[in-house]
């Protein structure tokens, strides 16, 4: 499994990012539910709190090799829910649903503002 984060998509005070989990294995796999997502500094310490769940549980997503499941990370623009923003991350730590081993992804986004950091359940494209 490999994580990938798409560019920011801003609108109506929200900033959303498409988080993909790509099946790099040689066999199909099935994922269902919410990934765990945390932001980390370069030294591995955590920034803020992990993303909270937003929306319903979703349905199972079967991934053939090379296919990806998608979740949406959401925060808000600065000053929408207060002036404070967390520091920019160096890494994202992602736990696919049902797995105990974390995946890491080098990324300077998202910068969370207003203490709003959510993740949706996985879905197919």
Foldseek 3Di string as FASTA:
>chain_A
DAWDKADWDDDPFKTKIKIKDAAQDQAKDKAWFWKWKFFAAPVGDTWADIAAEDDDRDDIDIHHHGFIWIKMKMAGDAPPQHNDWIAFGQKMWIGGPPDDDIHIDGDRDDTHHNSHIHMYMIDGD
